[in-house]
């Protein structure tokens, strides 16, 4: 199946249903050659959105992506690039993290230098900042948009209340509010997308979503059912928190049952999990992470499975991983 494109919320921007992100892999797990091959594979398959952040490998992920984009002959209007601001890149001084006007503005300039771009298509507030008034952050993002350095801004892992407050501030002050949110969404983490954000999706302004971790950091591929393979994502020391999260035996049993369902359908578990995410009409794009071209191609083929997920199959999946209450 050819790539599909979806509106980013109620904006006029079209994003590929599947996109490619640099978290964990770029600047750390894979070399530039592999990163280049994966980006080329994604682009050739119709992917038009490449996700990044200042915090990924302390800025090195953006440098890798910037070198790759610089060497390509791709038209700039044929792809979208994001960055995110909050955690900083490198030193973590008092004004080198968070969502203050100072850090938001300086982090954007730094991201543009690393990515070797004139503007960011999407710019996310990577987490909420309780120490900065939301109006200060909204005004900083509005300034960046007016300067032409950012086209759309959004949030990542913000609560519905925080997003609503940002939208209210923007509306009251005649500023540009957030267009999209980047939440984690997969069979293990459903509540925010399917419960908390419901009114945001149906509001006049709408809300686009760029989903991260559709495979729950690889857990929904089934490769961790019998332990953590050497060299896998969960084997990396700095991701020990993820390893601990998925140590529950009953959870592994449910994933085994889901794998049996995938086997019954004649498809790998990873494709089923990604297709399930795509089935949600409020998902604008699902960000894929891959450290090999073969892995990326396999994940991209999940698009072919979406139409097979009828009401009966979705109900069977719900019995294993219940919907948000």
C-alpha atoms as a PDB file:
ATOM      1  CA  UNK A   1       0.000   0.000   0.000  1.00  0.00           C
ATOM      2  CA  UNK A   2       1.232   3.488  -0.801  1.00  0.00           C
ATOM      3  CA  UNK A   3       1.794   5.997   1.985  1.00  0.00           C
ATOM      4  CA  UNK A   4      -1.233   7.795   3.373  1.00  0.00           C
ATOM      5  CA  UNK A   5      -1.231  11.424   4.476  1.00  0.00           C
ATOM      6  CA  UNK A   6      -3.308  12.871   7.265  1.00  0.00           C
ATOM      7  CA  UNK A   7      -4.056  16.410   8.401  1.00  0.00           C
ATOM      8  CA  UNK A   8      -2.181  17.495  11.497  1.00  0.00           C
ATOM      9  CA  UNK A   9      -5.254  18.106  13.619  1.00  0.00           C
ATOM     10  CA  UNK A  10      -7.324  20.837  11.992  1.00  0.00           C
ATOM     11  CA  UNK A  11      -4.323  22.599  10.455  1.00  0.00           C
ATOM     12  CA  UNK A  12      -3.673  22.551   6.728  1.00  0.00           C
ATOM     13  CA  UNK A  13      -0.454  20.564   7.142  1.00  0.00           C
ATOM     14  CA  UNK A  14      -0.354  16.993   5.822  1.00  0.00           C
ATOM     15  CA  UNK A  15       1.869  14.440   7.554  1.00  0.00           C
ATOM     16  CA  UNK A  16       2.609  10.907   6.442  1.00  0.00           C
ATOM     17  CA  UNK A  17       0.688   8.364   8.510  1.00  0.00           C
ATOM     18  CA  UNK A  18       4.040   6.804   9.408  1.00  0.00           C
ATOM     19  CA  UNK A  19       7.087   8.929  10.189  1.00  0.00           C
ATOM     20  CA  UNK A  20      10.668   8.340  11.320  1.00  0.00           C
ATOM     21  CA  UNK A  21      12.315   9.509  14.534  1.00  0.00           C
ATOM     22  CA  UNK A  22      15.862   9.826  15.856  1.00  0.00           C
ATOM     23  CA  UNK A  23      15.276   9.009  19.542  1.00  0.00           C
ATOM     24  CA  UNK A  24      17.790   6.512  21.020  1.00  0.00           C
ATOM     25  CA  UNK A  25      19.356   5.583  17.653  1.00  0.00           C
ATOM     26  CA  UNK A  26      20.878   8.679  16.009  1.00  0.00           C
ATOM     27  CA  UNK A  27      24.148   9.895  17.502  1.00  0.00           C
ATOM     28  CA  UNK A  28      24.445   6.874  19.808  1.00  0.00           C
ATOM     29  CA  UNK A  29      23.175   3.467  18.686  1.00  0.00           C
ATOM     30  CA  UNK A  30      23.771   3.726  14.911  1.00  0.00           C
ATOM     31  CA  UNK A  31      26.440   5.386  12.775  1.00  0.00           C
ATOM     32  CA  UNK A  32      25.819   8.051  10.153  1.00  0.00           C
ATOM     33  CA  UNK A  33      25.730   5.518   7.330  1.00  0.00           C
ATOM     34  CA  UNK A  34      22.921   3.501   8.881  1.00  0.00           C
ATOM     35  CA  UNK A  35      21.036   6.674   9.810  1.00  0.00           C
ATOM     36  CA  UNK A  36      21.362   7.881   6.203  1.00  0.00           C
ATOM     37  CA  UNK A  37      20.131   4.549   4.830  1.00  0.00           C
ATOM     38  CA  UNK A  38      17.128   4.534   7.179  1.00  0.00           C
ATOM     39  CA  UNK A  39      16.157   8.125   6.364  1.00  0.00           C
ATOM     40  CA  UNK A  40      16.466   7.405   2.640  1.00  0.00           C
ATOM     41  CA  UNK A  41      14.359   4.262   2.993  1.00  0.00           C
ATOM     42  CA  UNK A  42      11.680   6.203   4.855  1.00  0.00           C
ATOM     43  CA  UNK A  43      11.664   9.088   2.378  1.00  0.00           C
ATOM     44  CA  UNK A  44      11.473   6.735  -0.611  1.00  0.00           C
ATOM     45  CA  UNK A  45       8.490   5.037   1.037  1.00  0.00           C
ATOM     46  CA  UNK A  46       6.638   8.356   1.251  1.00  0.00           C
ATOM     47  CA  UNK A  47       7.552   9.397   4.793  1.00  0.00           C
ATOM     48  CA  UNK A  48       7.602  13.200   4.943  1.00  0.00           C
ATOM     49  CA  UNK A  49       8.156  13.798   8.679  1.00  0.00           C
ATOM     50  CA  UNK A  50      11.432  13.309  10.560  1.00  0.00           C
ATOM     51  CA  UNK A  51      11.268  13.774  14.319  1.00  0.00           C
ATOM     52  CA  UNK A  52      14.112  14.986  16.538  1.00  0.00           C
ATOM     53  CA  UNK A  53      14.844  16.870  19.785  1.00  0.00           C
ATOM     54  CA  UNK A  54      17.591  18.865  21.453  1.00  0.00           C
ATOM     55  CA  UNK A  55      17.913  16.201  24.150  1.00  0.00           C
ATOM     56  CA  UNK A  56      18.457  13.236  21.827  1.00  0.00           C
ATOM     57  CA  UNK A  57      22.113  12.248  22.344  1.00  0.00           C
ATOM     58  CA  UNK A  58      22.664  15.778  23.739  1.00  0.00           C
ATOM     59  CA  UNK A  59      22.170  17.354  20.333  1.00  0.00           C
ATOM     60  CA  UNK A  60      24.198  14.786  18.382  1.00  0.00           C
ATOM     61  CA  UNK A  61      21.032  13.266  16.878  1.00  0.00           C
ATOM     62  CA  UNK A  62      20.196  16.623  15.297  1.00  0.00           C
ATOM     63  CA  UNK A  63      23.751  16.988  14.009  1.00  0.00           C
ATOM     64  CA  UNK A  64      23.533  13.576  12.330  1.00  0.00           C
ATOM     65  CA  UNK A  65      20.184  14.381  10.754  1.00  0.00           C
ATOM     66  CA  UNK A  66      21.463  17.784   9.665  1.00  0.00           C
ATOM     67  CA  UNK A  67      24.454  16.274   7.854  1.00  0.00           C
ATOM     68  CA  UNK A  68      22.209  13.777   6.094  1.00  0.00           C
ATOM     69  CA  UNK A  69      19.674  16.383   4.991  1.00  0.00           C
ATOM     70  CA  UNK A  70      22.438  18.699   3.803  1.00  0.00           C
ATOM     71  CA  UNK A  71      23.797  15.980   1.513  1.00  0.00           C
ATOM     72  CA  UNK A  72      20.413  15.100  -0.002  1.00  0.00           C
ATOM     73  CA  UNK A  73      18.860  16.653  -3.076  1.00  0.00           C
ATOM     74  CA  UNK A  74      15.404  16.498  -1.520  1.00  0.00           C
ATOM     75  CA  UNK A  75      13.269  19.582  -2.003  1.00  0.00           C
ATOM     76  CA  UNK A  76      12.794  21.382   1.308  1.00  0.00           C
ATOM     77  CA  UNK A  77       9.041  21.583   0.707  1.00  0.00           C
ATOM     78  CA  UNK A  78       8.856  17.778   0.439  1.00  0.00           C
ATOM     79  CA  UNK A  79       9.677  16.983   4.068  1.00  0.00           C
ATOM     80  CA  UNK A  80       9.032  18.150   7.629  1.00  0.00           C
ATOM     81  CA  UNK A  81      11.528  18.283  10.482  1.00  0.00           C
ATOM     82  CA  UNK A  82      10.842  18.774  14.168  1.00  0.00           C
ATOM     83  CA  UNK A  83      12.796  19.595  17.273  1.00  0.00           C
ATOM     84  CA  UNK A  84      11.776  19.750  20.918  1.00  0.00           C
ATOM     85  CA  UNK A  85      12.787  22.059  23.735  1.00  0.00           C
ATOM     86  CA  UNK A  86      12.932  21.444  27.485  1.00  0.00           C
ATOM     87  CA  UNK A  87      15.707  19.065  28.575  1.00  0.00           C
ATOM     88  CA  UNK A  88      18.602  20.987  27.008  1.00  0.00           C
ATOM     89  CA  UNK A  89      21.557  19.682  25.011  1.00  0.00           C
ATOM     90  CA  UNK A  90      24.801  19.303  26.929  1.00  0.00           C
ATOM     91  CA  UNK A  91      25.269  21.609  29.953  1.00  0.00           C
ATOM     92  CA  UNK A  92      22.231  21.850  32.239  1.00  0.00           C
ATOM     93  CA  UNK A  93      22.681  25.288  33.780  1.00  0.00           C
ATOM     94  CA  UNK A  94      19.803  27.251  35.335  1.00  0.00           C
ATOM     95  CA  UNK A  95      18.717  28.755  31.997  1.00  0.00           C
ATOM     96  CA  UNK A  96      19.772  25.894  29.706  1.00  0.00           C
ATOM     97  CA  UNK A  97      16.653  23.801  30.293  1.00  0.00           C
ATOM     98  CA  UNK A  98      12.913  24.404  30.676  1.00  0.00           C
ATOM     99  CA  UNK A  99      10.490  26.569  28.742  1.00  0.00           C
ATOM    100  CA  UNK A 100      11.569  30.103  29.656  1.00  0.00           C
ATOM    101  CA  UNK A 101      11.588  32.592  26.813  1.00  0.00           C
ATOM    102  CA  UNK A 102      15.396  32.596  26.977  1.00  0.00           C
ATOM    103  CA  UNK A 103      15.782  28.840  26.608  1.00  0.00           C
ATOM    104  CA  UNK A 104      13.003  28.443  24.036  1.00  0.00           C
ATOM    105  CA  UNK A 105      14.551  31.096  21.776  1.00  0.00           C
ATOM    106  CA  UNK A 106      18.155  29.976  22.200  1.00  0.00           C
ATOM    107  CA  UNK A 107      17.319  26.285  21.881  1.00  0.00           C
ATOM    108  CA  UNK A 108      15.551  26.936  18.589  1.00  0.00           C
ATOM    109  CA  UNK A 109      18.579  28.753  17.196  1.00  0.00           C
ATOM    110  CA  UNK A 110      20.846  25.913  18.355  1.00  0.00           C
ATOM    111  CA  UNK A 111      18.585  23.269  16.798  1.00  0.00           C
ATOM    112  CA  UNK A 112      18.569  25.119  13.486  1.00  0.00           C
ATOM    113  CA  UNK A 113      22.378  25.201  13.505  1.00  0.00           C
ATOM    114  CA  UNK A 114      22.645  21.499  14.290  1.00  0.00           C
ATOM    115  CA  UNK A 115      20.052  20.547  11.693  1.00  0.00           C
ATOM    116  CA  UNK A 116      21.484  23.030   9.156  1.00  0.00           C
ATOM    117  CA  UNK A 117      17.990  24.321   8.396  1.00  0.00           C
ATOM    118  CA  UNK A 118      16.466  27.779   8.016  1.00  0.00           C
ATOM    119  CA  UNK A 119      13.291  26.839   9.881  1.00  0.00           C
ATOM    120  CA  UNK A 120      11.629  24.031  11.831  1.00  0.00           C
ATOM    121  CA  UNK A 121       8.321  22.738  10.539  1.00  0.00           C
ATOM    122  CA  UNK A 122       7.269  21.555  14.015  1.00  0.00           C
ATOM    123  CA  UNK A 123       8.599  22.662  17.397  1.00  0.00           C
ATOM    124  CA  UNK A 124       7.477  20.894  20.572  1.00  0.00           C
ATOM    125  CA  UNK A 125       7.611  21.804  24.243  1.00  0.00           C
ATOM    126  CA  UNK A 126       9.070  18.451  25.276  1.00  0.00           C
ATOM    127  CA  UNK A 127       7.494  18.486  28.753  1.00  0.00           C
ATOM    128  CA  UNK A 128       5.432  21.008  30.761  1.00  0.00           C
ATOM    129  CA  UNK A 129       7.496  23.429  32.841  1.00  0.00           C
ATOM    130  CA  UNK A 130       5.883  24.229  36.206  1.00  0.00           C
ATOM    131  CA  UNK A 131       8.472  26.959  36.824  1.00  0.00           C
ATOM    132  CA  UNK A 132       7.563  29.007  33.740  1.00  0.00           C
ATOM    133  CA  UNK A 133       4.187  30.695  33.206  1.00  0.00           C
ATOM    134  CA  UNK A 134       2.442  29.156  30.214  1.00  0.00           C
ATOM    135  CA  UNK A 135       1.861  32.629  28.778  1.00  0.00           C
ATOM    136  CA  UNK A 136       5.630  33.218  28.650  1.00  0.00           C
ATOM    137  CA  UNK A 137       6.110  30.016  26.658  1.00  0.00           C
ATOM    138  CA  UNK A 138       3.175  30.729  24.339  1.00  0.00           C
ATOM    139  CA  UNK A 139       4.535  34.211  23.617  1.00  0.00           C
ATOM    140  CA  UNK A 140       8.020  32.816  22.877  1.00  0.00           C
ATOM    141  CA  UNK A 141       6.604  30.268  20.447  1.00  0.00           C
ATOM    142  CA  UNK A 142       4.481  32.954  18.813  1.00  0.00           C
ATOM    143  CA  UNK A 143       7.605  35.084  18.355  1.00  0.00           C
ATOM    144  CA  UNK A 144       9.454  32.212  16.669  1.00  0.00           C
ATOM    145  CA  UNK A 145       6.551  31.694  14.294  1.00  0.00           C
ATOM    146  CA  UNK A 146       6.408  35.406  13.475  1.00  0.00           C
ATOM    147  CA  UNK A 147      10.162  35.319  12.797  1.00  0.00           C
ATOM    148  CA  UNK A 148       9.687  32.430  10.364  1.00  0.00           C
ATOM    149  CA  UNK A 149      11.902  30.084  12.366  1.00  0.00           C
ATOM    150  CA  UNK A 150       9.020  27.767  13.311  1.00  0.00           C
ATOM    151  CA  UNK A 151       5.875  26.954  11.317  1.00  0.00           C
ATOM    152  CA  UNK A 152       3.797  25.078  13.913  1.00  0.00           C
ATOM    153  CA  UNK A 153       4.341  24.569  17.616  1.00  0.00           C
ATOM    154  CA  UNK A 154       2.997  21.976  19.973  1.00  0.00           C
ATOM    155  CA  UNK A 155       3.490  20.053  23.182  1.00  0.00           C
ATOM    156  CA  UNK A 156       4.712  16.623  24.269  1.00  0.00           C
ATOM    157  CA  UNK A 157       3.407  14.741  27.293  1.00  0.00           C
ATOM    158  CA  UNK A 158       1.321  17.688  28.483  1.00  0.00           C
ATOM    159  CA  UNK A 159      -1.928  17.106  30.316  1.00  0.00           C
ATOM    160  CA  UNK A 160      -5.210  18.131  28.701  1.00  0.00           C
ATOM    161  CA  UNK A 161      -5.531  20.875  31.312  1.00  0.00           C
ATOM    162  CA  UNK A 162      -2.125  22.331  30.412  1.00  0.00           C
ATOM    163  CA  UNK A 163      -2.883  22.240  26.681  1.00  0.00           C
ATOM    164  CA  UNK A 164      -6.252  23.887  27.283  1.00  0.00           C
ATOM    165  CA  UNK A 165      -4.544  26.621  29.315  1.00  0.00           C
ATOM    166  CA  UNK A 166      -2.063  27.274  26.501  1.00  0.00           C
ATOM    167  CA  UNK A 167      -4.902  27.465  23.986  1.00  0.00           C
ATOM    168  CA  UNK A 168      -6.863  29.822  26.247  1.00  0.00           C
ATOM    169  CA  UNK A 169      -3.861  32.140  26.694  1.00  0.00           C
ATOM    170  CA  UNK A 170      -3.266  32.192  22.941  1.00  0.00           C
ATOM    171  CA  UNK A 171      -6.917  32.956  22.248  1.00  0.00           C
ATOM    172  CA  UNK A 172      -7.092  35.713  24.871  1.00  0.00           C
ATOM    173  CA  UNK A 173      -3.866  37.382  23.729  1.00  0.00           C
ATOM    174  CA  UNK A 174      -4.463  36.848  19.994  1.00  0.00           C
ATOM    175  CA  UNK A 175      -1.407  34.594  19.754  1.00  0.00           C
ATOM    176  CA  UNK A 176      -0.851  31.332  17.890  1.00  0.00           C
ATOM    177  CA  UNK A 177      -1.659  28.352  20.094  1.00  0.00           C
ATOM    178  CA  UNK A 178      -0.406  24.767  19.989  1.00  0.00           C
ATOM    179  CA  UNK A 179      -1.355  22.734  16.929  1.00  0.00           C
ATOM    180  CA  UNK A 180      -0.218  19.263  18.017  1.00  0.00           C
ATOM    181  CA  UNK A 181       0.763  17.050  20.931  1.00  0.00           C
ATOM    182  CA  UNK A 182       3.301  14.223  20.937  1.00  0.00           C
ATOM    183  CA  UNK A 183       2.056  11.627  23.439  1.00  0.00           C
ATOM    184  CA  UNK A 184       3.097   8.077  24.025  1.00  0.00           C
ATOM    185  CA  UNK A 185       0.370   5.836  22.631  1.00  0.00           C
ATOM    186  CA  UNK A 186       0.333   2.072  22.385  1.00  0.00           C
ATOM    187  CA  UNK A 187      -1.632  -0.877  23.704  1.00  0.00           C
ATOM    188  CA  UNK A 188      -0.094  -0.386  27.155  1.00  0.00           C
ATOM    189  CA  UNK A 189      -0.655   3.406  27.332  1.00  0.00           C
ATOM    190  CA  UNK A 190      -4.155   4.304  26.147  1.00  0.00           C
ATOM    191  CA  UNK A 191      -5.742   6.567  28.751  1.00  0.00           C
ATOM    192  CA  UNK A 192      -4.451   9.939  27.616  1.00  0.00           C
ATOM    193  CA  UNK A 193      -5.263   9.536  23.923  1.00  0.00           C
ATOM    194  CA  UNK A 194      -8.576   7.755  24.415  1.00  0.00           C
ATOM    195  CA  UNK A 195      -9.804   9.513  27.538  1.00  0.00           C
ATOM    196  CA  UNK A 196      -8.105  12.691  28.694  1.00  0.00           C
ATOM    197  CA  UNK A 197      -7.711  14.295  25.244  1.00  0.00           C
ATOM    198  CA  UNK A 198     -11.195  13.499  23.931  1.00  0.00           C
ATOM    199  CA  UNK A 199     -12.585  17.026  24.267  1.00  0.00           C
ATOM    200  CA  UNK A 200      -9.434  18.517  22.728  1.00  0.00           C
ATOM    201  CA  UNK A 201      -9.907  16.424  19.604  1.00  0.00           C
ATOM    202  CA  UNK A 202     -13.495  17.592  19.178  1.00  0.00           C
ATOM    203  CA  UNK A 203     -12.879  21.259  20.032  1.00  0.00           C
ATOM    204  CA  UNK A 204     -13.036  23.881  17.238  1.00  0.00           C
ATOM    205  CA  UNK A 205      -9.224  24.224  17.306  1.00  0.00           C
ATOM    206  CA  UNK A 206      -8.658  20.470  17.243  1.00  0.00           C
ATOM    207  CA  UNK A 207      -5.385  18.759  18.122  1.00  0.00           C
ATOM    208  CA  UNK A 208      -2.953  16.865  15.911  1.00  0.00           C
ATOM    209  CA  UNK A 209      -0.918  13.991  17.355  1.00  0.00           C
ATOM    210  CA  UNK A 210       2.525  12.665  16.501  1.00  0.00           C
ATOM    211  CA  UNK A 211       2.632   9.365  18.362  1.00  0.00           C
ATOM    212  CA  UNK A 212       5.823   8.076  19.974  1.00  0.00           C
ATOM    213  CA  UNK A 213       6.617   4.550  21.154  1.00  0.00           C
ATOM    214  CA  UNK A 214       3.873   2.647  19.271  1.00  0.00           C
ATOM    215  CA  UNK A 215       5.747  -0.562  20.149  1.00  0.00           C
ATOM    216  CA  UNK A 216       6.260   0.369  23.817  1.00  0.00           C
ATOM    217  CA  UNK A 217      10.021   0.668  23.264  1.00  0.00           C
ATOM    218  CA  UNK A 218      10.101  -2.722  21.549  1.00  0.00           C
ATOM    219  CA  UNK A 219       8.094  -4.620  24.142  1.00  0.00           C
ATOM    220  CA  UNK A 220       5.221  -5.093  21.677  1.00  0.00           C
ATOM    221  CA  UNK A 221       7.523  -6.771  19.172  1.00  0.00           C
ATOM    222  CA  UNK A 222       7.690  -9.825  21.426  1.00  0.00           C
ATOM    223  CA  UNK A 223      11.485  -9.853  21.554  1.00  0.00           C
ATOM    224  CA  UNK A 224      11.557  -9.306  25.325  1.00  0.00           C
ATOM    225  CA  UNK A 225       9.220 -12.150  26.251  1.00  0.00           C
ATOM    226  CA  UNK A 226      12.077 -14.420  27.291  1.00  0.00           C
ATOM    227  CA  UNK A 227      14.540 -11.836  28.574  1.00  0.00           C
ATOM    228  CA  UNK A 228      16.493  -8.870  27.231  1.00  0.00           C
ATOM    229  CA  UNK A 229      18.654  -9.703  24.183  1.00  0.00           C
ATOM    230  CA  UNK A 230      22.173  -8.302  24.133  1.00  0.00           C
ATOM    231  CA  UNK A 231      22.392  -5.132  22.061  1.00  0.00           C
ATOM    232  CA  UNK A 232      18.656  -4.439  22.217  1.00  0.00           C
ATOM    233  CA  UNK A 233      17.223  -1.109  23.351  1.00  0.00           C
ATOM    234  CA  UNK A 234      16.355  -2.331  26.845  1.00  0.00           C
ATOM    235  CA  UNK A 235      19.893  -3.645  27.339  1.00  0.00           C
ATOM    236  CA  UNK A 236      21.291  -0.104  27.320  1.00  0.00           C
ATOM    237  CA  UNK A 237      22.183   1.104  30.847  1.00  0.00           C
ATOM    238  CA  UNK A 238      20.525   4.516  30.496  1.00  0.00           C
ATOM    239  CA  UNK A 239      17.210   2.813  29.652  1.00  0.00           C
ATOM    240  CA  UNK A 240      17.063   0.613  32.744  1.00  0.00           C
ATOM    241  CA  UNK A 241      13.841   2.392  33.733  1.00  0.00           C
ATOM    242  CA  UNK A 242      12.173   0.924  30.651  1.00  0.00           C
ATOM    243  CA  UNK A 243      13.425  -2.545  31.474  1.00  0.00           C
ATOM    244  CA  UNK A 244      11.929  -2.305  34.964  1.00  0.00           C
ATOM    245  CA  UNK A 245       8.604  -1.090  33.594  1.00  0.00           C
ATOM    246  CA  UNK A 246       8.091  -4.260  31.547  1.00  0.00           C
ATOM    247  CA  UNK A 247       9.163  -6.840  34.128  1.00  0.00           C
ATOM    248  CA  UNK A 248       5.587  -7.843  35.010  1.00  0.00           C
ATOM    249  CA  UNK A 249       4.977 -11.525  34.218  1.00  0.00           C
ATOM    250  CA  UNK A 250       1.228 -11.081  33.619  1.00  0.00           C
ATOM    251  CA  UNK A 251       1.982  -8.351  31.091  1.00  0.00           C
ATOM    252  CA  UNK A 252       4.316 -10.683  29.213  1.00  0.00           C
ATOM    253  CA  UNK A 253       1.573 -13.320  29.183  1.00  0.00           C
ATOM    254  CA  UNK A 254      -0.855 -10.887  27.560  1.00  0.00           C
ATOM    255  CA  UNK A 255       1.727  -9.988  24.939  1.00  0.00           C
ATOM    256  CA  UNK A 256       2.144 -13.711  24.224  1.00  0.00           C
ATOM    257  CA  UNK A 257      -1.598 -13.958  23.622  1.00  0.00           C
ATOM    258  CA  UNK A 258      -1.457 -10.932  21.337  1.00  0.00           C
ATOM    259  CA  UNK A 259       1.355 -12.599  19.420  1.00  0.00           C
ATOM    260  CA  UNK A 260      -0.856 -15.664  18.991  1.00  0.00           C
ATOM    261  CA  UNK A 261      -3.515 -13.411  17.479  1.00  0.00           C
ATOM    262  CA  UNK A 262      -0.932 -11.891  15.131  1.00  0.00           C
ATOM    263  CA  UNK A 263       0.204 -15.403  14.146  1.00  0.00           C
ATOM    264  CA  UNK A 264      -3.420 -16.287  13.436  1.00  0.00           C
ATOM    265  CA  UNK A 265      -3.610 -13.262  11.121  1.00  0.00           C
ATOM    266  CA  UNK A 266      -0.335 -14.254   9.463  1.00  0.00           C
ATOM    267  CA  UNK A 267       1.464 -11.056  10.444  1.00  0.00           C
ATOM    268  CA  UNK A 268       4.326 -10.183  12.811  1.00  0.00           C
ATOM    269  CA  UNK A 269       3.354  -8.736  16.188  1.00  0.00           C
ATOM    270  CA  UNK A 270       5.120  -5.418  15.528  1.00  0.00           C
ATOM    271  CA  UNK A 271       2.994  -4.732  12.451  1.00  0.00           C
ATOM    272  CA  UNK A 272      -0.198  -5.494  14.327  1.00  0.00           C
ATOM    273  CA  UNK A 273       0.724  -3.112  17.164  1.00  0.00           C
ATOM    274  CA  UNK A 274       1.560  -0.269  14.767  1.00  0.00           C
ATOM    275  CA  UNK A 275      -1.563  -0.848  12.671  1.00  0.00           C
ATOM    276  CA  UNK A 276      -3.638  -0.735  15.859  1.00  0.00           C
ATOM    277  CA  UNK A 277      -2.266   2.765  16.569  1.00  0.00           C
ATOM    278  CA  UNK A 278      -3.029   3.896  13.026  1.00  0.00           C
ATOM    279  CA  UNK A 279      -6.624   2.719  13.393  1.00  0.00           C
ATOM    280  CA  UNK A 280      -7.335   5.562  15.831  1.00  0.00           C
ATOM    281  CA  UNK A 281      -8.766   8.471  13.762  1.00  0.00           C
ATOM    282  CA  UNK A 282      -7.167  11.013  16.124  1.00  0.00           C
ATOM    283  CA  UNK A 283      -3.659   9.789  15.276  1.00  0.00           C
ATOM    284  CA  UNK A 284      -2.044  12.103  12.739  1.00  0.00           C
ATOM    285  CA  UNK A 285       1.201  10.161  12.423  1.00  0.00           C
ATOM    286  CA  UNK A 286       2.968   7.300  14.173  1.00  0.00           C
ATOM    287  CA  UNK A 287       6.707   7.832  14.657  1.00  0.00           C
ATOM    288  CA  UNK A 288       8.801   4.759  13.918  1.00  0.00           C
ATOM    289  CA  UNK A 289      12.238   4.191  15.364  1.00  0.00           C
ATOM    290  CA  UNK A 290      14.546   1.697  13.676  1.00  0.00           C
ATOM    291  CA  UNK A 291      18.248   0.876  13.793  1.00  0.00           C
ATOM    292  CA  UNK A 292      18.245  -1.183  10.576  1.00  0.00           C
ATOM    293  CA  UNK A 293      16.735  -0.646   7.118  1.00  0.00           C
ATOM    294  CA  UNK A 294      15.151  -4.105   7.201  1.00  0.00           C
ATOM    295  CA  UNK A 295      13.496  -3.307  10.521  1.00  0.00           C
ATOM    296  CA  UNK A 296      12.168  -0.013   9.171  1.00  0.00           C
ATOM    297  CA  UNK A 297      10.749  -1.635   6.024  1.00  0.00           C
ATOM    298  CA  UNK A 298       8.998  -4.224   8.169  1.00  0.00           C
ATOM    299  CA  UNK A 299       7.433  -1.537  10.359  1.00  0.00           C
ATOM    300  CA  UNK A 300       6.396   0.551   7.353  1.00  0.00           C
ATOM    301  CA  UNK A 301       4.438  -2.404   5.993  1.00  0.00           C
ATOM    302  CA  UNK A 302       2.046  -2.090   8.963  1.00  0.00           C
ATOM    303  CA  UNK A 303       0.084   0.340   6.810  1.00  0.00           C
ATOM    304  CA  UNK A 304      -1.126  -2.629   4.735  1.00  0.00           C
ATOM    305  CA  UNK A 305      -2.737  -4.174   7.805  1.00  0.00           C
ATOM    306  CA  UNK A 306      -4.969  -1.318   8.969  1.00  0.00           C
ATOM    307  CA  UNK A 307      -7.994  -2.231   6.849  1.00  0.00           C
ATOM    308  CA  UNK A 308      -7.892  -5.813   8.157  1.00  0.00           C
ATOM    309  CA  UNK A 309      -8.516  -4.643  11.715  1.00  0.00           C
ATOM    310  CA  UNK A 310     -12.279  -4.972  11.760  1.00  0.00           C
ATOM    311  CA  UNK A 311     -14.510  -4.524  14.796  1.00  0.00           C
ATOM    312  CA  UNK A 312     -14.156  -8.170  15.784  1.00  0.00           C
ATOM    313  CA  UNK A 313     -10.373  -8.108  15.832  1.00  0.00           C
ATOM    314  CA  UNK A 314     -10.305  -4.795  17.669  1.00  0.00           C
ATOM    315  CA  UNK A 315     -12.639  -6.229  20.305  1.00  0.00           C
ATOM    316  CA  UNK A 316     -10.368  -9.251  20.768  1.00  0.00           C
ATOM    317  CA  UNK A 317      -7.404  -6.933  21.261  1.00  0.00           C
ATOM    318  CA  UNK A 318      -9.426  -4.923  23.790  1.00  0.00           C
ATOM    319  CA  UNK A 319      -9.956  -8.030  25.909  1.00  0.00           C
ATOM    320  CA  UNK A 320      -6.176  -8.396  26.250  1.00  0.00           C
ATOM    321  CA  UNK A 321      -5.419  -4.671  26.666  1.00  0.00           C
ATOM    322  CA  UNK A 322      -8.603  -2.938  27.863  1.00  0.00           C
ATOM    323  CA  UNK A 323      -9.514   0.493  26.565  1.00  0.00           C
ATOM    324  CA  UNK A 324      -9.353   3.581  28.755  1.00  0.00           C
ATOM    325  CA  UNK A 325     -12.110   3.658  31.334  1.00  0.00           C
END
